[in-house]
Amino acid sequence: MKNRMLLISLLAVAALACGIPFQALAQGGPGGGGSANVELTAKREKSNGPSTGVAGKWLAKEGNNDVKLEIKVDGSKLSGTIENTQFPGTIEFKDGKLEGNTISFSYMRQVGGQDMQISWTGTLSGDELKLKRSVGGGMPGGGR
């Protein structure tokens, strides 16, 4: 029973770190099917400039929430910001990587006094960015 309660607590913290409301977690995730670890498709936002490569503004839907990315590229280095409307506040990421059409970046977010590492990977395909998010670190057994 103790282990089960610990697992439920850890899942709740991970859900908060990703902006998933508790009621959505109980129902299997936002919009009926998400979790802390999720796959999303971001669409390139319209701009006046050329729309090639991964640099620019992107928008993904996670249930009823918007996940907004602004990506900057300098050679193979990736930086930018991410914001999830369910868990307000823009977060800056720096040490991202770009290899061909594949990106990766991560950042730390503090939830309930615990540091949570949020890692993203993605693949560019035209005006779509296929993203995968994973949550870990900072909690017992999660490693830092």
Protein backbone atom coordinates (compact mmCIF):
# COMPACT_ATOMS: atom_id res chain seq x y z
CA MET A 1 0.00 0.00 0.00
CA LYS A 2 2.87 2.39 0.83
CA ASN A 3 4.48 1.76 -2.57
CA ARG A 4 1.18 2.38 -4.33
CA MET A 5 0.70 5.72 -2.56
CA LEU A 6 4.27 6.73 -3.43
CA LEU A 7 3.65 5.85 -7.08
CA ILE A 8 0.43 7.88 -7.13
CA SER A 9 2.23 10.85 -5.56
CA LEU A 10 5.07 10.64 -8.08
CA LEU A 11 2.61 10.48 -10.98
CA ALA A 12 0.78 13.52 -9.64
CA VAL A 13 4.03 15.53 -9.43
CA ALA A 14 5.02 14.45 -12.95
CA ALA A 15 1.58 15.44 -14.25
CA LEU A 16 1.86 18.87 -12.65
CA ALA A 17 5.32 19.35 -14.16
CA CYS A 18 3.83 18.88 -17.60
CA GLY A 19 0.71 20.91 -16.97
CA ILE A 20 -1.70 17.98 -16.82
CA PRO A 21 -4.66 18.66 -14.52
CA PHE A 22 -5.40 16.03 -11.87
CA GLN A 23 -8.86 15.29 -13.28
CA ALA A 24 -7.29 14.62 -16.70
CA LEU A 25 -4.74 12.27 -15.11
CA ALA A 26 -7.58 10.33 -13.51
CA GLN A 27 -9.28 10.09 -16.91
CA GLY A 28 -6.17 8.95 -18.72
CA GLY A 29 -4.87 12.39 -19.66
CA PRO A 30 -6.02 15.65 -21.19
CA GLY A 31 -8.61 15.23 -23.88
CA GLY A 32 -9.02 11.63 -22.74
CA GLY A 33 -5.59 10.27 -23.60
CA GLY A 34 -2.38 11.99 -22.48
CA SER A 35 0.21 11.55 -19.79
CA ALA A 36 3.46 13.09 -18.61
CA ASN A 37 5.17 11.19 -21.45
CA VAL A 38 3.38 12.15 -24.64
CA GLU A 39 3.69 12.52 -28.41
CA LEU A 40 2.44 15.71 -30.07
CA THR A 41 2.44 17.22 -33.56
CA ALA A 42 3.29 20.91 -33.71
CA LYS A 43 2.30 23.06 -36.67
CA ARG A 44 4.42 25.95 -37.87
CA GLU A 45 2.82 29.31 -37.14
CA LYS A 46 2.40 31.62 -40.11
CA SER A 47 5.08 34.27 -40.56
CA ASN A 48 6.15 36.81 -43.14
CA GLY A 49 9.61 35.26 -43.48
CA PRO A 50 10.66 32.03 -45.16
CA SER A 51 9.37 28.87 -43.48
CA THR A 52 12.17 26.35 -43.86
CA GLY A 53 14.05 24.45 -41.22
CA VAL A 54 13.10 24.09 -37.58
CA ALA A 55 13.66 27.73 -36.55
CA GLY A 56 10.50 29.71 -35.86
CA LYS A 57 7.27 29.52 -33.90
CA TRP A 58 5.36 26.27 -33.45
CA LEU A 59 2.03 25.37 -31.87
CA ALA A 60 0.90 21.95 -30.64
CA LYS A 61 -2.39 20.96 -29.00
CA GLU A 62 -2.42 18.73 -25.94
CA GLY A 63 -6.08 18.17 -25.22
CA ASN A 64 -7.46 21.66 -24.59
CA ASN A 65 -4.00 23.12 -23.91
CA ASP A 66 -1.63 24.91 -26.25
CA VAL A 67 2.07 24.09 -26.22
CA LYS A 68 3.94 26.97 -27.84
CA LEU A 69 7.56 26.72 -28.98
CA GLU A 70 9.86 29.40 -30.30
CA ILE A 71 13.01 27.78 -31.67
CA LYS A 72 16.29 29.45 -32.61
CA VAL A 73 19.06 27.67 -34.49
CA ASP A 74 22.77 28.47 -34.57
CA GLY A 75 24.52 25.76 -36.58
CA SER A 76 23.77 22.53 -34.71
CA LYS A 77 22.81 24.35 -31.50
CA LEU A 78 19.18 24.82 -30.54
CA SER A 79 17.70 27.29 -28.05
CA GLY A 80 14.38 28.95 -27.47
CA THR A 81 11.31 28.98 -25.27
CA ILE A 82 8.39 26.69 -24.52
CA GLU A 83 5.07 27.50 -22.86
CA ASN A 84 2.19 25.22 -21.91
CA THR A 85 -1.02 27.19 -21.32
CA GLN A 86 -2.14 24.68 -18.66
CA PHE A 87 0.98 25.41 -16.58
CA PRO A 88 1.61 29.12 -17.31
CA GLY A 89 5.03 30.61 -17.62
CA THR A 90 7.51 30.64 -20.45
CA ILE A 91 10.56 28.43 -19.93
CA GLU A 92 13.85 29.01 -21.70
CA PHE A 93 15.92 26.11 -22.97
CA LYS A 94 19.50 26.44 -24.10
CA ASP A 95 21.66 23.41 -24.76
CA GLY A 96 19.46 21.85 -27.43
CA LYS A 97 20.78 19.98 -30.46
CA LEU A 98 19.89 19.86 -34.12
CA GLU A 99 21.06 16.88 -36.17
CA GLY A 100 19.60 16.86 -39.68
CA ASN A 101 15.82 17.00 -39.19
CA THR A 102 16.00 15.79 -35.56
CA ILE A 103 15.93 18.06 -32.52
CA SER A 104 16.39 17.48 -28.80
CA PHE A 105 16.29 19.76 -25.77
CA SER A 106 15.51 19.61 -22.08
CA TYR A 107 14.97 21.88 -19.12
CA MET A 108 14.31 21.66 -15.39
CA ARG A 109 11.00 22.68 -13.86
CA GLN A 110 10.42 22.83 -10.13
CA VAL A 111 7.15 21.39 -8.89
CA GLY A 112 6.31 21.04 -5.22
CA GLY A 113 9.94 21.62 -4.26
CA GLN A 114 11.15 18.84 -6.58
CA ASP A 115 13.25 19.42 -9.71
CA MET A 116 11.80 17.61 -12.71
CA GLN A 117 13.72 17.20 -15.96
CA ILE A 118 11.49 17.54 -19.00
CA SER A 119 13.11 16.18 -22.18
CA TRP A 120 11.85 16.66 -25.72
CA THR A 121 12.86 15.09 -29.02
CA GLY A 122 11.36 15.84 -32.39
CA THR A 123 11.53 15.27 -36.11
CA LEU A 124 10.81 17.96 -38.69
CA SER A 125 8.65 17.00 -41.66
CA GLY A 126 7.69 20.00 -43.79
CA ASP A 127 5.57 22.35 -41.68
CA GLU A 128 5.06 19.75 -38.94
CA LEU A 129 7.25 18.90 -35.98
CA LYS A 130 6.60 15.46 -34.46
CA LEU A 131 7.47 15.81 -30.76
CA LYS A 132 7.96 13.35 -27.89
CA ARG A 133 8.10 14.49 -24.27
CA SER A 134 9.46 12.47 -21.37
CA VAL A 135 9.58 13.38 -17.70
CA GLY A 136 12.09 12.19 -15.17
CA GLY A 137 14.81 13.04 -12.69
CA GLY A 138 14.83 14.83 -9.41
CA MET A 139 12.66 12.35 -7.53
CA PRO A 140 13.73 9.25 -5.63
CA GLY A 141 14.78 6.66 -8.20
CA GLY A 142 14.62 9.27 -10.98
CA GLY A 143 18.29 10.16 -11.01
CA ARG A 144 19.73 13.61 -11.61
